[in-house]
Protein backbone atom coordinates (compact mmCIF):
# COMPACT_ATOMS: atom_id res chain seq x y z
CA UNK A 1 -16.15 11.70 20.18
CA UNK A 2 -13.43 9.43 18.75
CA UNK A 3 -16.03 7.40 17.04
CA UNK A 4 -17.62 10.41 15.61
CA UNK A 5 -14.05 11.52 14.22
CA UNK A 6 -13.84 8.21 12.75
CA UNK A 7 -17.22 8.14 11.21
CA UNK A 8 -16.76 11.59 9.68
CA UNK A 9 -13.30 10.39 8.03
CA UNK A 10 -15.07 7.43 6.43
CA UNK A 11 -18.32 9.62 5.33
CA UNK A 12 -15.90 12.03 3.93
CA UNK A 13 -14.25 9.22 2.13
CA UNK A 14 -17.29 8.15 0.32
CA UNK A 15 -17.88 11.05 -0.80
CA UNK A 16 -14.61 11.85 -2.29
CA UNK A 17 -14.51 8.67 -3.96
CA UNK A 18 -17.37 9.23 -6.40
CA UNK A 19 -15.80 12.31 -7.99
CA UNK A 20 -12.13 10.83 -8.05
CA UNK A 21 -13.53 7.80 -9.64
CA UNK A 22 -15.27 9.69 -12.23
CA UNK A 23 -11.75 11.58 -12.81
CA UNK A 24 -9.82 8.59 -12.84
CA UNK A 25 -12.21 7.48 -15.04
CA UNK A 26 -11.74 10.00 -17.70
CA UNK A 27 -8.08 9.82 -17.50
CA UNK A 28 -7.82 6.08 -18.19
CA UNK A 29 -10.53 6.41 -21.03
CA UNK A 30 -9.22 9.39 -22.54
CA UNK A 31 -12.24 11.15 -22.51
CA UNK A 32 -12.46 15.05 -22.54
CA UNK A 33 -12.17 16.82 -19.61
CA UNK A 34 -11.32 20.38 -17.90
CA UNK A 35 -7.30 20.85 -18.11
CA UNK A 36 -6.75 18.93 -21.40
CA UNK A 37 -5.77 22.14 -23.21
CA UNK A 38 -2.46 22.48 -20.74
CA UNK A 39 -2.45 18.57 -19.77
CA UNK A 40 -2.20 17.43 -23.70
CA UNK A 41 0.88 19.81 -24.01
CA UNK A 42 2.61 18.19 -20.88
CA UNK A 43 2.01 14.92 -22.17
CA UNK A 44 2.85 15.56 -25.58
CA UNK A 45 6.06 17.15 -24.68
CA UNK A 46 7.09 13.76 -22.64
CA UNK A 47 5.67 11.50 -25.70
CA UNK A 48 8.17 13.40 -28.01
CA UNK A 49 10.88 13.57 -26.10
CA UNK A 50 10.89 10.01 -24.64
CA UNK A 51 9.80 8.55 -28.71
CA UNK A 52 6.51 7.34 -27.37
CA UNK A 53 3.75 6.77 -30.08
CA UNK A 54 0.40 7.45 -27.92
CA UNK A 55 -1.44 5.73 -30.52
CA UNK A 56 0.13 2.29 -29.85
CA UNK A 57 -1.76 -0.61 -27.96
CA UNK A 58 0.11 -3.30 -26.16
CA UNK A 59 -0.86 -6.93 -25.41
CA UNK A 60 -0.17 -7.96 -21.98
CA UNK A 61 3.03 -9.20 -22.28
CA UNK A 62 4.58 -5.95 -23.71
CA UNK A 63 2.51 -4.27 -21.38
CA UNK A 64 4.54 -6.39 -18.27
CA UNK A 65 7.87 -6.14 -20.01
CA UNK A 66 7.76 -2.21 -20.62
CA UNK A 67 6.54 -2.09 -16.80
CA UNK A 68 9.48 -4.28 -15.46
CA UNK A 69 11.87 -2.44 -17.82
CA UNK A 70 10.86 1.24 -16.97
CA UNK A 71 11.27 0.13 -13.28
CA UNK A 72 14.23 -1.90 -13.78
CA UNK A 73 16.21 1.57 -15.42
CA UNK A 74 14.57 3.55 -12.54
CA UNK A 75 16.12 1.01 -9.93
CA UNK A 76 19.71 1.14 -11.20
CA UNK A 77 20.02 5.08 -11.36
CA UNK A 78 18.54 5.17 -7.71
CA UNK A 79 21.06 2.91 -6.54
CA UNK A 80 24.12 4.48 -7.92
CA UNK A 81 22.68 7.89 -6.17
CA UNK A 82 22.27 6.58 -2.97
CA UNK A 83 26.00 4.94 -3.21
CA UNK A 84 27.37 8.17 -3.92
CA UNK A 85 24.85 10.56 -1.75
CA UNK A 86 28.11 12.08 -0.04
CA UNK A 87 28.76 14.21 -2.88
CA UNK A 88 27.90 17.69 -1.74
CA UNK A 89 25.07 18.84 -3.44
CA UNK A 90 22.00 19.42 -1.73
CA UNK A 91 23.46 17.78 1.25
CA UNK A 92 23.69 20.70 3.58
CA UNK A 93 24.20 17.87 6.78
CA UNK A 94 27.12 16.06 4.81
CA UNK A 95 25.58 12.57 4.91
CA UNK A 96 27.82 9.93 3.42
CA UNK A 97 26.97 7.39 0.80
CA UNK A 98 24.49 4.45 1.84
CA UNK A 99 25.95 0.76 2.26
CA UNK A 100 25.54 -1.71 -0.05
CA UNK A 101 22.60 -3.87 1.55
CA UNK A 102 20.91 -1.05 2.68
CA UNK A 103 20.80 0.57 -0.56
CA UNK A 104 19.70 -2.32 -2.15
CA UNK A 105 17.01 -2.82 0.10
CA UNK A 106 15.76 1.15 0.05
CA UNK A 107 15.98 1.26 -3.75
CA UNK A 108 13.80 -2.16 -4.14
CA UNK A 109 11.50 -0.76 -1.39
CA UNK A 110 10.82 2.33 -3.00
CA UNK A 111 10.63 0.98 -6.44
CA UNK A 112 7.98 -1.51 -5.58
CA UNK A 113 5.76 1.07 -3.72
CA UNK A 114 6.68 -0.52 -0.25
CA UNK A 115 8.78 2.13 1.23
CA UNK A 116 10.28 -0.11 3.84
CA UNK A 117 12.90 1.86 5.74
CA UNK A 118 15.56 0.86 7.56
CA UNK A 119 17.47 3.63 7.84
CA UNK A 120 16.39 6.78 9.70
CA UNK A 121 15.11 9.54 6.95
CA UNK A 122 16.49 12.69 8.54
CA UNK A 123 20.02 11.27 8.78
CA UNK A 124 20.09 8.69 6.44
CA UNK A 125 19.37 10.63 3.07
CA UNK A 126 20.95 13.72 1.43
CA UNK A 127 18.34 16.16 0.44
CA UNK A 128 18.96 15.31 -3.22
CA UNK A 129 18.25 11.71 -2.36
CA UNK A 130 15.42 12.74 -0.75
CA UNK A 131 14.03 14.24 -4.02
CA UNK A 132 15.04 12.61 -6.96
CA UNK A 133 15.24 9.04 -5.62
CA UNK A 134 12.72 9.14 -2.87
CA UNK A 135 9.82 11.14 -4.16
CA UNK A 136 10.48 10.65 -7.72
CA UNK A 137 10.19 7.04 -7.07
CA UNK A 138 6.78 7.49 -5.22
CA UNK A 139 5.60 9.19 -7.80
CA UNK A 140 6.60 6.52 -10.48
CA UNK A 141 5.72 3.33 -8.32
CA UNK A 142 2.00 4.80 -7.21
CA UNK A 143 1.46 5.49 -10.93
CA UNK A 144 2.79 2.02 -12.01
CA UNK A 145 -0.02 0.31 -9.91
CA UNK A 146 -2.61 2.59 -11.07
CA UNK A 147 -1.43 1.90 -14.72
CA UNK A 148 -1.20 -1.72 -14.11
CA UNK A 149 -4.93 -1.49 -12.85
CA UNK A 150 -6.24 0.09 -15.76
CA UNK A 151 -4.47 -2.19 -18.04
CA UNK A 152 -6.19 -5.13 -15.92
CA UNK A 153 -9.62 -3.55 -16.25
CA UNK A 154 -9.33 -3.20 -20.20
CA UNK A 155 -8.54 -6.75 -20.43
CA UNK A 156 -11.11 -8.30 -18.50
CA UNK A 157 -13.78 -5.91 -19.71
CA UNK A 158 -12.86 -5.63 -23.37
CA UNK A 159 -12.76 -7.90 -26.24
CA UNK A 160 -9.26 -7.20 -27.95
CA UNK A 161 -5.96 -8.47 -27.12
CA UNK A 162 -4.65 -5.47 -26.22
CA UNK A 163 -4.89 -3.86 -22.49
CA UNK A 164 -3.47 -0.09 -23.44
CA UNK A 165 -0.20 1.52 -23.47
CA UNK A 166 2.01 1.44 -20.37
CA UNK A 167 4.08 4.46 -21.41
CA UNK A 168 0.61 6.86 -22.26
CA UNK A 169 -0.56 5.43 -18.82
CA UNK A 170 2.20 6.02 -16.63
CA UNK A 171 2.24 9.81 -18.22
CA UNK A 172 -1.29 10.32 -17.59
CA UNK A 173 -1.83 9.06 -14.06
CA UNK A 174 1.45 11.02 -12.87
CA UNK A 175 0.48 14.61 -14.98
CA UNK A 176 -3.06 14.42 -14.54
CA UNK A 177 -3.67 12.46 -11.06
CA UNK A 178 -0.60 11.98 -8.42
CA UNK A 179 1.16 15.76 -9.45
CA UNK A 180 -2.26 17.74 -9.34
CA UNK A 181 -3.51 16.15 -5.95
CA UNK A 182 0.39 16.25 -4.56
CA UNK A 183 0.52 19.99 -5.01
CA UNK A 184 -3.05 20.59 -3.07
CA UNK A 185 -2.16 18.30 -0.45
CA UNK A 186 1.22 19.75 -0.08
CA UNK A 187 -0.37 23.20 0.27
CA UNK A 188 -2.54 22.05 3.06
CA UNK A 189 0.32 20.21 5.02
CA UNK A 190 2.68 23.30 4.76
CA UNK A 191 -0.41 25.75 6.18
CA UNK A 192 -0.81 23.02 8.91
CA UNK A 193 3.15 23.47 9.98
CA UNK A 194 4.94 20.97 7.95
CA UNK A 195 8.28 22.08 6.90
CA UNK A 196 9.18 22.56 2.90
CA UNK A 197 12.57 23.79 2.51
CA UNK A 198 16.13 23.04 1.39
CA UNK A 199 17.80 24.05 4.79
CA UNK A 200 19.94 21.53 6.78
CA UNK A 201 19.57 20.73 10.50
CA UNK A 202 19.08 23.75 12.64
CA UNK A 203 20.42 23.86 16.19
CA UNK A 204 18.51 25.69 18.67
CA UNK A 205 18.41 26.67 22.30
CA UNK A 206 15.07 25.18 24.46
CA UNK A 207 13.55 26.75 26.89
CA UNK A 208 15.29 24.88 29.15
CA UNK A 209 18.36 26.17 28.02
CA UNK A 210 19.56 22.93 26.60
CA UNK A 211 20.80 22.84 22.82
CA UNK A 212 18.75 20.46 20.50
CA UNK A 213 19.23 19.79 16.43
CA UNK A 214 16.40 20.21 14.39
CA UNK A 215 16.06 18.22 11.49
CA UNK A 216 14.38 20.01 8.33
CA UNK A 217 14.08 19.50 4.35
CA UNK A 218 11.39 18.89 1.75
CA UNK A 219 8.86 16.92 4.18
CA UNK A 220 5.76 18.51 2.91
CA UNK A 221 6.82 17.36 -0.72
CA UNK A 222 7.43 13.69 0.60
CA UNK A 223 4.42 13.62 2.68
CA UNK A 224 1.99 14.33 0.05
CA UNK A 225 3.00 11.93 -2.45
CA UNK A 226 4.19 9.24 0.41
CA UNK A 227 0.10 9.38 1.35
CA UNK A 228 -1.78 9.97 -2.23
CA UNK A 229 0.62 7.13 -3.99
CA UNK A 230 0.18 4.54 -0.98
CA UNK A 231 3.97 4.56 -0.71
CA UNK A 232 4.72 4.90 3.06
CA UNK A 233 8.10 5.32 4.57
CA UNK A 234 8.99 9.20 5.98
CA UNK A 235 11.35 11.82 5.99
CA UNK A 236 11.75 11.26 9.78
CA UNK A 237 12.65 7.83 11.30
CA UNK A 238 9.34 8.59 13.44
CA UNK A 239 6.95 8.81 10.69
CA UNK A 240 3.43 10.69 10.87
CA UNK A 241 4.13 10.36 14.67
CA UNK A 242 6.57 13.25 14.25
CA UNK A 243 5.13 16.69 14.88
CA UNK A 244 7.01 18.09 11.43
CA UNK A 245 5.07 15.11 9.38
CA UNK A 246 1.65 15.42 11.10
CA UNK A 247 1.41 18.43 13.18
CA UNK A 248 -2.59 18.53 13.85
CA UNK A 249 -5.52 16.90 13.78
CA UNK A 250 -6.30 18.13 10.37
CA UNK A 251 -3.01 17.20 9.05
CA UNK A 252 -3.91 13.77 10.45
CA UNK A 253 -6.98 13.88 8.57
CA UNK A 254 -5.45 14.87 5.10
CA UNK A 255 -2.99 12.24 5.82
CA UNK A 256 -5.93 9.59 6.39
CA UNK A 257 -8.22 10.60 3.32
CA UNK A 258 -5.03 10.51 0.80
CA UNK A 259 -4.31 7.33 1.67
CA UNK A 260 -7.82 6.21 0.66
CA UNK A 261 -8.77 8.26 -1.72
CA UNK A 262 -7.00 6.67 -5.15
CA UNK A 263 -7.16 2.48 -3.88
CA UNK A 264 -11.08 3.45 -3.14
CA UNK A 265 -11.79 5.37 -6.46
CA UNK A 266 -10.23 2.93 -8.56
CA UNK A 267 -13.47 0.66 -7.59
CA UNK A 268 -15.96 3.05 -8.62
CA UNK A 269 -13.64 3.26 -11.91
CA UNK A 270 -14.04 0.19 -12.62
CA UNK A 271 -18.00 0.32 -12.46
CA UNK A 272 -17.89 3.27 -14.82
CA UNK A 273 -15.40 1.40 -17.34
CA UNK A 274 -17.77 -1.94 -17.11
CA UNK A 275 -20.90 0.44 -17.61
CA UNK A 276 -22.21 -1.47 -14.09
CA UNK A 277 -22.13 0.53 -11.47
CA UNK A 278 -23.53 -2.01 -9.24
CA UNK A 279 -20.29 -4.34 -9.95
CA UNK A 280 -18.05 -1.97 -8.95
CA UNK A 281 -20.28 -1.09 -5.62
CA UNK A 282 -20.27 -5.06 -4.90
CA UNK A 283 -16.70 -5.14 -5.04
CA UNK A 284 -16.54 -2.02 -2.93
CA UNK A 285 -19.09 -3.61 -0.45
CA UNK A 286 -16.51 -6.68 -0.04
CA UNK A 287 -13.85 -4.47 0.95
CA UNK A 288 -15.55 -2.31 2.90
CA UNK A 289 -16.66 -5.03 4.98
CA UNK A 290 -13.27 -6.60 5.60
CA UNK A 291 -12.02 -3.17 6.34
CA UNK A 292 -15.27 -2.74 8.98
CA UNK A 293 -14.21 -6.20 10.93
CA UNK A 294 -10.50 -4.81 11.76
CA UNK A 295 -11.53 -1.49 12.58
CA UNK A 296 -13.28 -2.14 15.93
CA UNK A 297 -11.20 -4.89 16.82
CA UNK A 298 -8.29 -2.77 16.97
CA UNK A 299 -9.83 -0.13 18.41
CA UNK A 300 -11.35 -1.96 21.38
CA UNK A 301 -8.14 -3.98 21.94
CA UNK A 302 -6.23 -0.86 22.46
CA UNK A 303 -9.00 0.67 24.33
CA UNK A 304 -8.88 -2.41 26.73
CA UNK A 305 -5.45 -1.30 27.75
CA UNK A 306 -2.68 -3.62 28.31
CA UNK A 307 -2.66 -5.73 31.37
CA UNK A 308 1.44 -6.30 31.61
CA UNK A 309 1.28 -2.45 32.33
CA UNK A 310 -1.56 -2.66 34.69
CA UNK A 311 0.64 -5.11 36.65
CA UNK A 312 3.43 -2.94 37.22
CA UNK A 313 1.02 0.10 38.29
CA UNK A 314 0.50 2.26 35.49
CA UNK A 315 -3.27 3.61 34.82
CA UNK A 316 -4.74 1.82 32.27
CA UNK A 317 -8.34 4.18 32.14
CA UNK A 318 -7.08 5.80 28.82
CA UNK A 319 -6.34 2.47 27.26
CA UNK A 320 -2.84 1.38 25.74
CA UNK A 321 -1.27 4.76 25.58
CA UNK A 322 2.22 3.16 24.96
CA UNK A 323 3.56 4.20 21.67
CA UNK A 324 0.52 6.67 21.12
CA UNK A 325 0.91 10.28 20.06
CA UNK A 326 -1.40 11.95 22.74
CA UNK A 327 -2.42 14.28 19.88
CA UNK A 328 -3.94 11.16 18.51
CA UNK A 329 -5.42 8.74 21.15
CA UNK A 330 -6.51 5.76 20.65
CA UNK A 331 -9.48 6.40 18.03
CA UNK A 332 -6.92 8.20 15.56
CA UNK A 333 -3.96 5.64 16.39
CA UNK A 334 -6.47 2.89 15.85
CA UNK A 335 -7.99 4.33 12.58
CA UNK A 336 -4.73 5.39 11.31
CA UNK A 337 -3.25 1.89 11.68
CA UNK A 338 -6.46 -0.07 10.11
CA UNK A 339 -6.21 2.25 6.92
CA UNK A 340 -2.23 2.32 6.84
CA UNK A 341 -2.44 -1.67 6.39
CA UNK A 342 -5.64 -2.03 4.61
CA UNK A 343 -4.83 0.48 2.04
CA UNK A 344 -0.90 -0.91 2.51
CA UNK A 345 0.49 2.63 2.78
CA UNK A 346 2.73 1.88 5.81
CA UNK A 347 2.87 5.57 7.34
CA UNK A 348 2.23 5.01 11.09
CA UNK A 349 0.97 7.73 13.63
CA UNK A 350 1.63 5.21 16.46
CA UNK A 351 4.09 2.47 16.89
CA UNK A 352 2.79 -0.79 15.92
CA UNK A 353 5.09 -2.60 17.99
CA UNK A 354 3.75 -1.27 21.11
CA UNK A 355 0.04 -2.27 19.82
CA UNK A 356 -1.79 -4.98 21.88
CA UNK A 357 -1.58 -8.40 20.63
CA UNK A 358 -4.92 -8.50 19.03
CA UNK A 359 -4.98 -4.70 18.07
CA UNK A 360 -1.41 -5.80 16.49
CA UNK A 361 -3.42 -8.97 14.59
CA UNK A 362 -5.34 -6.33 12.57
CA UNK A 363 -2.30 -4.64 10.72
CA UNK A 364 -1.36 -8.46 10.11
CA UNK A 365 -4.72 -9.81 8.46
CA UNK A 366 -4.94 -6.45 6.55
CA UNK A 367 -1.36 -7.00 4.73
CA UNK A 368 -1.54 -11.21 4.74
CA UNK A 369 -5.34 -10.60 2.86
CA UNK A 370 -4.02 -7.82 0.60
CA UNK A 371 -7.30 -7.26 -0.57
CA UNK A 372 -8.77 -4.79 1.64
CA UNK A 373 -8.91 -1.85 -0.68
CA UNK A 374 -4.80 -2.24 -0.56
CA UNK A 375 -2.35 -0.27 -2.28
CA UNK A 376 -2.11 1.69 -5.52
CA UNK A 377 -4.21 -0.51 -8.00
CA UNK A 378 -2.74 -3.89 -6.99
CA UNK A 379 -5.31 -4.23 -4.24
CA UNK A 380 -8.35 -3.90 -6.46
CA UNK A 381 -6.63 -6.65 -8.90
CA UNK A 382 -6.33 -8.84 -5.74
CA UNK A 383 -9.42 -8.72 -4.84
CA UNK A 384 -10.94 -9.19 -8.64
CA UNK A 385 -8.61 -12.58 -8.34
CA UNK A 386 -10.41 -13.75 -5.50
CA UNK A 387 -13.70 -12.79 -7.29
CA UNK A 388 -12.68 -14.81 -10.08
CA UNK A 389 -11.76 -17.69 -7.72
CA UNK A 390 -15.37 -17.21 -5.99
CA UNK A 391 -17.24 -17.43 -9.57
CA UNK A 392 -15.25 -20.65 -10.05
CA UNK A 393 -16.10 -22.18 -6.91
CA UNK A 394 -19.73 -21.14 -7.43
CA UNK A 395 -19.86 -22.67 -10.67
CA UNK A 396 -18.51 -26.12 -9.99
CA UNK A 397 -21.02 -26.25 -6.64
CA UNK A 398 -23.61 -25.88 -9.39
CA UNK A 399 -22.32 -27.74 -12.09
CA UNK A 400 -22.15 -24.49 -14.44
CA UNK A 401 -19.12 -22.96 -16.56
CA UNK A 402 -18.02 -20.23 -14.46
CA UNK A 403 -18.59 -16.60 -16.04
CA UNK A 404 -17.16 -13.63 -14.90
CA UNK A 405 -18.12 -10.01 -16.50
CA UNK A 406 -19.61 -12.38 -19.43
CA UNK A 407 -16.41 -14.32 -20.07
CA UNK A 408 -16.01 -18.02 -19.70
CA UNK A 409 -13.29 -18.81 -16.55
CA UNK A 410 -11.73 -21.95 -17.80
CA UNK A 411 -8.57 -23.72 -16.76
CA UNK A 412 -5.81 -21.45 -17.76
CA UNK A 413 -7.18 -18.50 -15.89
CA UNK A 414 -7.93 -20.68 -12.79
CA UNK A 415 -4.26 -21.72 -12.92
CA UNK A 416 -2.77 -18.24 -12.99
CA UNK A 417 -5.12 -17.17 -9.93
CA UNK A 418 -4.05 -20.00 -8.13
CA UNK A 419 -0.12 -19.17 -8.70
CA UNK A 420 -0.78 -15.57 -7.92
CA UNK A 421 -2.54 -16.73 -4.65
CA UNK A 422 -0.13 -18.87 -3.52
CA UNK A 423 2.98 -16.90 -4.13
CA UNK A 424 1.49 -13.99 -1.16
CA UNK A 425 1.64 -16.70 1.66
CA UNK A 426 4.57 -18.64 0.24
CA UNK A 427 6.53 -15.21 0.52
CA UNK A 428 5.82 -14.53 3.78
CA UNK A 429 5.88 -18.06 5.69
CA UNK A 430 8.96 -19.70 3.69
CA UNK A 431 11.21 -16.32 4.46
CA UNK A 432 9.78 -16.34 8.10
CA UNK A 433 10.93 -19.83 8.69
CA UNK A 434 14.24 -18.74 7.59
CA UNK A 435 14.52 -15.98 9.60
CA UNK A 436 13.89 -18.10 12.55
CA UNK A 437 16.53 -20.82 11.50
CA UNK A 438 19.51 -19.07 10.72
CA UNK A 439 21.75 -16.95 13.17
CA UNK A 440 21.67 -13.90 11.14
CA UNK A 441 17.78 -13.44 11.17
CA UNK A 442 17.63 -14.63 14.92
CA UNK A 443 19.73 -11.74 15.77
CA UNK A 444 17.76 -9.42 15.02
CA UNK A 445 14.78 -10.45 16.92
CA UNK A 446 14.66 -8.17 20.26
CA UNK A 447 11.71 -10.61 21.83
CA UNK A 448 12.13 -14.41 21.75
CA UNK A 449 8.85 -15.36 23.16
CA UNK A 450 5.27 -15.20 20.91
CA UNK A 451 6.09 -11.38 20.07
CA UNK A 452 9.31 -12.14 18.40
CA UNK A 453 7.23 -14.49 15.81
CA UNK A 454 4.98 -11.39 15.34
CA UNK A 455 7.91 -9.30 14.98
CA UNK A 456 9.28 -11.46 12.03
CA UNK A 457 6.34 -12.38 10.33
CA UNK A 458 4.90 -8.95 10.28
CA UNK A 459 8.25 -7.91 8.27
CA UNK A 460 7.67 -10.23 5.71
CA UNK A 461 3.89 -9.68 5.47
CA UNK A 462 4.75 -5.87 5.17
CA UNK A 463 7.21 -6.81 2.56
CA UNK A 464 4.98 -8.87 0.31
CA UNK A 465 2.18 -6.77 0.65
CA UNK A 466 4.27 -3.63 -0.36
CA UNK A 467 3.31 -1.80 2.82
CA UNK A 468 6.41 -0.94 4.33
CA UNK A 469 5.04 -0.51 8.31
CA UNK A 470 6.82 -2.57 10.57
CA UNK A 471 7.03 -4.03 14.18
CA UNK A 472 10.13 -1.64 15.00
CA UNK A 473 11.34 -3.81 17.39
CA UNK A 474 12.94 -5.75 14.89
CA UNK A 475 16.82 -5.13 14.27
CA UNK A 476 16.69 -5.25 10.51
CA UNK A 477 19.62 -3.07 9.38
CA UNK A 478 21.62 -5.90 8.63
CA UNK A 479 22.88 -7.65 5.50
CA UNK A 480 20.42 -10.81 6.07
CA UNK A 481 17.13 -8.77 6.82
CA UNK A 482 17.94 -6.03 4.28
CA UNK A 483 18.68 -8.60 1.57
CA UNK A 484 15.56 -11.08 2.30
CA UNK A 485 13.04 -8.38 2.73
CA UNK A 486 14.36 -6.95 -0.35
CA UNK A 487 13.77 -10.01 -2.36
CA UNK A 488 10.37 -10.64 -0.84
CA UNK A 489 9.47 -6.78 -1.82
CA UNK A 490 10.47 -7.85 -5.42
CA UNK A 491 8.57 -11.15 -6.08
CA UNK A 492 5.51 -9.71 -4.28
CA UNK A 493 5.37 -6.85 -6.25
CA UNK A 494 6.16 -7.88 -9.58
CA UNK A 495 5.01 -11.66 -10.08
CA UNK A 496 1.49 -10.87 -8.89
CA UNK A 497 1.12 -8.17 -11.22
CA UNK A 498 2.53 -10.18 -14.10
CA UNK A 499 0.12 -13.37 -13.45
CA UNK A 500 -2.66 -11.36 -12.93
CA UNK A 501 -1.87 -9.09 -16.21
CA UNK A 502 -1.61 -12.48 -17.73
CA UNK A 503 -5.06 -13.50 -16.59
CA UNK A 504 -6.57 -10.20 -17.95
CA UNK A 505 -4.99 -11.16 -21.32
CA UNK A 506 -6.68 -14.39 -21.54
CA UNK A 507 -9.54 -12.90 -20.63
CA UNK A 508 -9.27 -10.35 -23.45
CA UNK A 509 -9.18 -12.66 -26.06
CA UNK A 510 -12.38 -14.29 -25.02
CA UNK A 511 -15.74 -13.03 -26.70
CA UNK A 512 -18.38 -12.25 -24.47
CA UNK A 513 -21.25 -14.67 -23.71
CA UNK A 514 -24.70 -12.76 -23.57
CA UNK A 515 -26.43 -12.41 -20.22
CA UNK A 516 -29.25 -15.12 -19.62
CA UNK A 517 -31.36 -16.05 -16.86
CA UNK A 518 -28.99 -18.77 -15.56
CA UNK A 519 -26.09 -16.79 -15.81
CA UNK A 520 -24.46 -16.08 -12.12
CA UNK A 521 -24.71 -12.50 -11.17
CA UNK A 522 -21.57 -10.82 -9.31
CA UNK A 523 -22.96 -7.54 -8.83
CA UNK A 524 -25.51 -8.59 -6.13
CA UNK A 525 -25.33 -8.76 -1.98
CA UNK A 526 -25.23 -12.60 -2.65
CA UNK A 527 -22.19 -12.28 -4.79
CA UNK A 528 -20.52 -9.88 -1.95
CA UNK A 529 -21.23 -12.01 1.25
CA UNK A 530 -19.95 -14.95 -0.47
CA UNK A 531 -16.50 -13.17 -1.76
CA UNK A 532 -16.01 -11.92 1.72
CA UNK A 533 -16.38 -15.33 3.00
CA UNK A 534 -14.11 -17.05 0.51
CA UNK A 535 -11.63 -14.45 1.19
CA UNK A 536 -11.58 -15.12 4.61
CA UNK A 537 -11.36 -18.80 4.68
CA UNK A 538 -8.75 -19.01 2.28
CA UNK A 539 -6.82 -16.42 4.50
CA UNK A 540 -7.66 -18.30 7.75
CA UNK A 541 -6.68 -21.96 6.48
CA UNK A 542 -3.18 -20.12 5.09
CA UNK A 543 -2.24 -18.08 8.19
CA UNK A 544 -4.14 -19.14 11.25
CA UNK A 545 -1.38 -21.44 12.26
CA UNK A 546 0.92 -18.44 12.42
CA UNK A 547 -1.32 -15.93 14.02
CA UNK A 548 -1.84 -18.48 16.53
CA UNK A 549 1.74 -18.85 17.53
CA UNK A 550 2.29 -15.18 17.72
CA UNK A 551 -0.36 -12.64 18.35
CA UNK A 552 -3.33 -14.81 19.79
CA UNK A 553 -0.89 -16.96 22.13
CA UNK A 554 0.80 -13.63 23.36
CA UNK A 555 -2.82 -12.36 24.14
CA UNK A 556 -3.69 -15.45 25.88
CA UNK A 557 -0.63 -15.29 28.14
CA UNK A 558 -1.38 -11.71 29.09
CA UNK A 559 -4.93 -12.14 29.73
CA UNK A 560 -4.66 -15.35 31.61
C-alpha cells in the first residue's frame, strides 16, 4: 500500500509536468495565452510604477547585477522589519524584535530561497513579519530562481548577446505562475483544515481539563508558496509534521506535488524552448534516475528499523518510527524526505535527525549533488553545468572539440563551470571543518560521535544547497551558527547563479554550428547514462570521506 501511494504521487507529477511546463514556456517566451487580458494590465501597472521598460534586453552582466541589487534592497528592508517587529501592528502575541545575528540569518535564509529557520515560527515572528517579510520573500526568491533559469536557457540556446530582462521575468513569474498557483493550493489546504487567520494564539481547555495554547495565523498562505516556491521553512517549528500545516493525507499529497511541480516542469520547458523535446527528456531522465536511486534506499533503511531502539526493547516491526508522524508512516515520510531534499525545498513531515544513518545519507547526498531536480530553477542550471562538463570530457576522450546545443565548449566556459562545481563542496566542507575546530561551533553539537559530524555537515550542505532542512539536534541559534550558515547561504546562492549566467552569456555570443554525422548527440539514452555517472563520480570523489566518517561509520557501528 505504501509503494502504491508513492507510485501514484510520481505518476501525478509526470502528468502535471507536461501541462505546467508548456505553460511556463508561454510565460518565458511572451507568447499569447489564456488570461493575457487581465495579466497584461497587472504587469503593465507594475512596469509603470517601477519605471520598467519591458522591451529593453539585458546582457548577462546587467541581468546578474539587477538580480543581486533587487535582492539586496529586499534584504535591507526585511532586516529592519524583523528588528523592529515589536511594534504592535498585526502582532497579537506581542512578540519582540529579533536579535541581530538571528535577523541576519533569517533574512539571508529567506532571500536565498533557503528558509533555514533558527527560530520557531509561531513564537519568533509577528503576523506582519510572517506576511511582508517571510511570505513576500518566498514569492520573490522563488521567482528569482526561475528567472535565472529562463535567462540561462535563452543564453545557451540563442544567438544574441542578451538573455532577457530580469524585471520582466520576475514580474511575469510572480503574477502569472506563483500567485495563481498559490491561491489554488492555499484554498485546497484551507479545505483540509489548515488555518488562515490574523487571530493570535487561542487558549483552550482540552478534554483532559488542561489548558493549552493553540497558535494561529496566516498558515495556509505561507504553506502554499513555501512548497510551490521550493522555499521550505514553516509557520510552526514542527514544520509540515504539525497538524495545522499538514493535517491530512490529501494535504500531504498536495504539498509533495507542489514541491515537485515547477522544478520538474522547467526541464520540459527547456525542451520546448530548444525545439527539441528529446533533449529536455534526456536531462529529465538523468534527474529521475538519481531521484529513484535515493528513494528506495531511504525507504528500506527506515523500514529495516533502528537496532539501537531494538536493543532497548522497542518493537521495530513497523520500522523506524522515531521522529515519524503516525499519520504518514514510513512510506510517506521517506518520500517526503527524498522529495524535499531532491527538490531542495527543506519542508519536512518527519524529523530528519531521527532517520537511520543510511536513511539520512539520502537527503545528504541529494543536497551535496544539488542537481536532482533541485530548487526553483537553480537545480536545472546545475544539471546543465554537469551536462557541459560531460560533453567536454567525452570530447577529450575522442579527440573532438566538444559541442553542446550546437555551440563550441571552450576553455572559458570550462573554467567557469569548474569554478561553479568547486564552490559548492568548498562551502560545505570548509565551514564544517571550521565548526569542528572552534569552541563556538563545537558547543552546538549535541552528539559528539559519528552522528555529530553528520549534524554539522548536514547543516552546511542544507545551507549551500539553499535547502533549509536540518538535523535539528544541532544547537544552531548562536552567533557562530547564525553567521556561518548565513554566509554559506549567501555565497551558495549568488556565486553559482552569477558564474553559470556568465557561461550562458559566453555561449550566447557564439554562432551555432551545423549538426553533422560526427556531432556528439546529447538527447539520447547514452548521454543520459553518461551524465548520471559523471554526477555520481564527482559527487563520490568530493564527499565520500565526509559520508564515510559520518553516517556510514554510524551505520556500521549500529549494525555490527
